């Protein structure tokens, strides 16, 4: 499925949870959800690549985004990941997922306002998170003093968003770009019902793709 210029907010669980297929999101705002903003799980080979482009993920309570599954090579570009999870993280990966987060000078993401920008929970893979902004010009805060799978040691930039081990944060950019997502206006927040009507304020989960 594809979502363009949408706003997904104030759900009691994840804003969008996909456990099969691929997802395309462009110019969306995902905010104020009580669990993950986005949860993308791919445990089977896909013919197309999940793409999250030019989106704002902010104020989601557990994390802005969870990327999971050994076949998950999601491409995340041009996004702002801001102030998700008090003491938590912007993006978390697990189960040997290998997303590309940024990856080139034209595809930078901006991380700010959360303790961890990016957490890789799989010790056997290196996450390509090059060419991103980590809240300060000197790159992210990396407190690990051992060489990891990405051949990093440490980067003691106190005050920046922190990264876990096994994150390739090289070639970081030294200033953020202006956030640009512009969702379509809406008058109500809540569930989209089977008949297309909206029930304001009662949403448990905006979208579940299985």
Protein backbone atom coordinates (compact mmCIF):
# COMPACT_ATOMS: atom_id res chain seq x y z
CA UNK A 1 0.00 0.00 0.00
CA UNK A 2 1.00 3.60 -0.59
CA UNK A 3 0.25 6.64 1.59
CA UNK A 4 0.93 10.19 0.43
CA UNK A 5 0.44 13.46 2.33
CA UNK A 6 -1.27 11.77 5.26
CA UNK A 7 -1.35 12.40 9.00
CA UNK A 8 -1.41 9.39 11.35
CA UNK A 9 -1.77 10.42 14.99
CA UNK A 10 -3.14 9.84 18.50
CA UNK A 11 -3.63 6.08 18.24
CA UNK A 12 -3.52 3.90 21.37
CA UNK A 13 -1.12 1.47 19.68
CA UNK A 14 1.10 1.91 16.60
CA UNK A 15 0.14 4.47 14.03
CA UNK A 16 0.77 2.01 11.20
CA UNK A 17 1.79 -1.65 11.60
CA UNK A 18 2.70 -3.78 8.55
CA UNK A 19 3.63 -7.46 8.90
CA UNK A 20 3.62 -8.41 5.21
CA UNK A 21 4.19 -6.80 1.84
CA UNK A 22 5.87 -3.44 1.39
CA UNK A 23 4.80 0.06 2.33
CA UNK A 24 5.38 3.38 0.59
CA UNK A 25 4.98 6.60 2.63
CA UNK A 26 5.64 10.04 1.16
CA UNK A 27 5.21 13.44 2.84
CA UNK A 28 3.40 12.05 5.89
CA UNK A 29 3.32 13.12 9.53
CA UNK A 30 3.19 10.32 12.12
CA UNK A 31 2.85 11.71 15.62
CA UNK A 32 1.52 11.31 19.17
CA UNK A 33 0.88 7.55 18.94
CA UNK A 34 1.04 5.58 22.19
CA UNK A 35 3.38 2.88 20.85
CA UNK A 36 5.47 2.95 17.66
CA UNK A 37 4.75 5.56 15.04
CA UNK A 38 5.53 2.97 12.36
CA UNK A 39 6.16 -0.76 12.71
CA UNK A 40 7.41 -2.53 9.55
CA UNK A 41 8.08 -6.30 9.83
CA UNK A 42 9.28 -8.30 6.82
CA UNK A 43 10.17 -11.97 7.34
CA UNK A 44 9.75 -12.99 3.69
CA UNK A 45 11.42 -11.87 0.48
CA UNK A 46 9.69 -8.94 -1.24
CA UNK A 47 9.67 -7.89 -4.89
CA UNK A 48 9.67 -4.19 -4.01
CA UNK A 49 11.37 -2.16 -1.31
CA UNK A 50 9.59 -0.37 1.52
CA UNK A 51 10.25 3.35 1.23
CA UNK A 52 9.67 6.02 3.88
CA UNK A 53 10.41 9.40 2.29
CA UNK A 54 10.13 12.98 3.47
CA UNK A 55 8.12 12.15 6.59
CA UNK A 56 8.02 13.65 10.08
CA UNK A 57 7.88 11.19 13.00
CA UNK A 58 7.49 12.93 16.33
CA UNK A 59 6.27 12.44 19.89
CA UNK A 60 5.53 8.72 19.54
CA UNK A 61 5.75 7.09 22.94
CA UNK A 62 7.90 3.96 22.42
CA UNK A 63 9.78 4.83 19.22
CA UNK A 64 9.30 6.71 16.03
CA UNK A 65 9.83 3.58 13.96
CA UNK A 66 10.54 -0.15 14.38
CA UNK A 67 12.15 -1.97 11.42
CA UNK A 68 12.24 -5.75 11.84
CA UNK A 69 12.87 -8.94 9.86
CA UNK A 70 15.75 -10.49 7.96
CA UNK A 71 14.26 -9.46 4.60
CA UNK A 72 13.65 -5.87 5.65
CA UNK A 73 15.78 -3.51 3.55
CA UNK A 74 13.52 -0.46 3.97
CA UNK A 75 14.84 2.81 2.55
CA UNK A 76 14.34 5.80 4.87
CA UNK A 77 15.24 9.15 3.35
CA UNK A 78 14.62 12.84 3.92
CA UNK A 79 12.77 12.31 7.20
CA UNK A 80 12.81 14.18 10.48
CA UNK A 81 12.76 11.91 13.54
CA UNK A 82 12.07 14.15 16.51
CA UNK A 83 11.42 13.72 20.23
CA UNK A 84 10.10 10.16 20.19
CA UNK A 85 9.87 8.19 23.43
CA UNK A 86 10.97 9.86 26.62
CA UNK A 87 14.37 8.29 27.19
CA UNK A 88 13.78 6.08 24.17
CA UNK A 89 14.80 6.09 20.52
CA UNK A 90 13.92 7.43 17.11
CA UNK A 91 14.43 4.27 15.03
CA UNK A 92 15.00 0.73 16.31
CA UNK A 93 15.97 -2.27 14.17
CA UNK A 94 15.93 -5.96 15.11
CA UNK A 95 15.84 -9.54 13.78
CA UNK A 96 18.69 -8.84 11.32
CA UNK A 97 16.88 -6.11 9.43
CA UNK A 98 19.22 -4.12 7.17
CA UNK A 99 17.46 -0.85 6.29
CA UNK A 100 19.25 2.00 4.57
CA UNK A 101 18.74 5.11 6.68
CA UNK A 102 20.01 8.03 4.66
CA UNK A 103 22.88 6.42 2.77
CA UNK A 104 23.74 9.25 0.39
CA UNK A 105 24.21 13.05 0.57
CA UNK A 106 20.84 13.71 -1.07
CA UNK A 107 18.90 11.40 1.27
CA UNK A 108 19.84 12.70 4.73
CA UNK A 109 17.54 12.29 7.73
CA UNK A 110 17.49 14.56 10.78
CA UNK A 111 17.53 13.06 14.29
CA UNK A 112 16.90 15.29 17.31
CA UNK A 113 15.23 15.49 20.68
CA UNK A 114 15.53 11.85 21.83
CA UNK A 115 18.22 10.03 23.81
CA UNK A 116 18.94 7.49 21.07
CA UNK A 117 18.59 8.37 17.42
CA UNK A 118 19.15 4.83 16.15
CA UNK A 119 19.38 1.49 17.97
CA UNK A 120 20.48 -1.70 16.16
CA UNK A 121 19.39 -4.69 18.24
CA UNK A 122 21.04 -7.23 15.91
CA UNK A 123 24.71 -7.76 16.69
CA UNK A 124 25.50 -9.56 13.42
CA UNK A 125 24.60 -6.82 10.91
CA UNK A 126 25.81 -3.29 10.22
CA UNK A 127 23.15 -0.63 9.54
CA UNK A 128 23.95 1.89 6.81
CA UNK A 129 23.08 5.22 8.42
CA UNK A 130 25.55 7.42 6.60
CA UNK A 131 24.86 11.04 5.69
CA UNK A 132 22.46 11.95 8.52
CA UNK A 133 22.29 14.80 11.00
CA UNK A 134 22.45 13.79 14.67
CA UNK A 135 21.40 16.99 16.49
CA UNK A 136 24.93 18.44 16.49
CA UNK A 137 27.50 19.21 13.83
CA UNK A 138 30.03 16.73 15.19
CA UNK A 139 27.96 13.59 14.52
CA UNK A 140 26.18 11.28 16.99
CA UNK A 141 27.20 10.26 20.47
CA UNK A 142 28.81 6.79 20.38
CA UNK A 143 30.09 5.64 23.76
CA UNK A 144 31.28 2.18 22.65
CA UNK A 145 35.07 1.95 22.75
CA UNK A 146 35.30 -1.44 20.99
CA UNK A 147 35.42 -1.89 17.22
CA UNK A 148 31.99 -3.08 16.05
CA UNK A 149 30.74 -4.70 12.84
CA UNK A 150 30.75 -1.29 11.15
CA UNK A 151 34.38 -0.73 12.14
CA UNK A 152 33.44 2.15 14.44
CA UNK A 153 34.97 2.72 17.85
CA UNK A 154 33.56 5.81 19.56
CA UNK A 155 32.53 9.38 18.85
CA UNK A 156 32.31 11.35 22.06
CA UNK A 157 30.05 14.17 20.88
CA UNK A 158 28.21 14.89 24.12
CA UNK A 159 24.77 16.42 23.60
CA UNK A 160 24.08 14.74 20.26
CA UNK A 161 21.61 11.92 19.62
CA UNK A 162 23.17 8.64 20.66
CA UNK A 163 23.61 5.55 18.47
CA UNK A 164 24.10 1.92 19.47
CA UNK A 165 26.83 -0.39 18.26
CA UNK A 166 26.76 -1.70 14.67
CA UNK A 167 25.55 1.57 13.13
CA UNK A 168 27.59 3.11 10.31
CA UNK A 169 27.10 6.81 10.97
CA UNK A 170 30.09 7.98 8.93
CA UNK A 171 29.93 10.99 6.59
CA UNK A 172 27.39 12.70 8.85
CA UNK A 173 26.16 16.12 7.79
CA UNK A 174 26.82 19.13 10.01
CA UNK A 175 23.51 20.99 9.72
CA UNK A 176 19.87 19.95 9.37
CA UNK A 177 17.70 20.61 6.37
CA UNK A 178 14.28 22.29 6.79
CA UNK A 179 11.46 19.78 7.45
CA UNK A 180 9.20 19.62 4.42
CA UNK A 181 6.31 17.12 4.81
CA UNK A 182 2.97 18.75 4.07
CA UNK A 183 0.06 16.42 4.82
CA UNK A 184 -3.39 16.92 3.44
CA UNK A 185 -5.62 18.85 5.88
CA UNK A 186 -8.07 16.86 7.95
CA UNK A 187 -10.87 17.81 10.33
CA UNK A 188 -10.94 14.69 12.51
CA UNK A 189 -8.54 12.30 14.18
CA UNK A 190 -9.54 8.71 14.82
CA UNK A 191 -10.57 5.45 13.21
CA UNK A 192 -11.39 5.14 9.55
CA UNK A 193 -14.43 2.84 9.52
CA UNK A 194 -15.37 0.24 6.93
CA UNK A 195 -17.82 2.64 5.27
CA UNK A 196 -15.17 5.36 5.01
CA UNK A 197 -16.50 7.47 7.88
CA UNK A 198 -14.27 8.60 10.74
CA UNK A 199 -14.95 7.99 14.42
CA UNK A 200 -13.02 10.77 16.14
CA UNK A 201 -10.67 9.99 18.98
CA UNK A 202 -11.28 6.25 19.46
CA UNK A 203 -8.49 4.83 17.29
CA UNK A 204 -6.62 1.81 18.62
CA UNK A 205 -4.54 1.42 15.48
CA UNK A 206 -4.81 3.53 12.36
CA UNK A 207 -3.65 0.90 9.86
CA UNK A 208 -2.72 -2.78 10.19
CA UNK A 209 -1.38 -4.54 7.10
CA UNK A 210 -1.17 -8.32 7.40
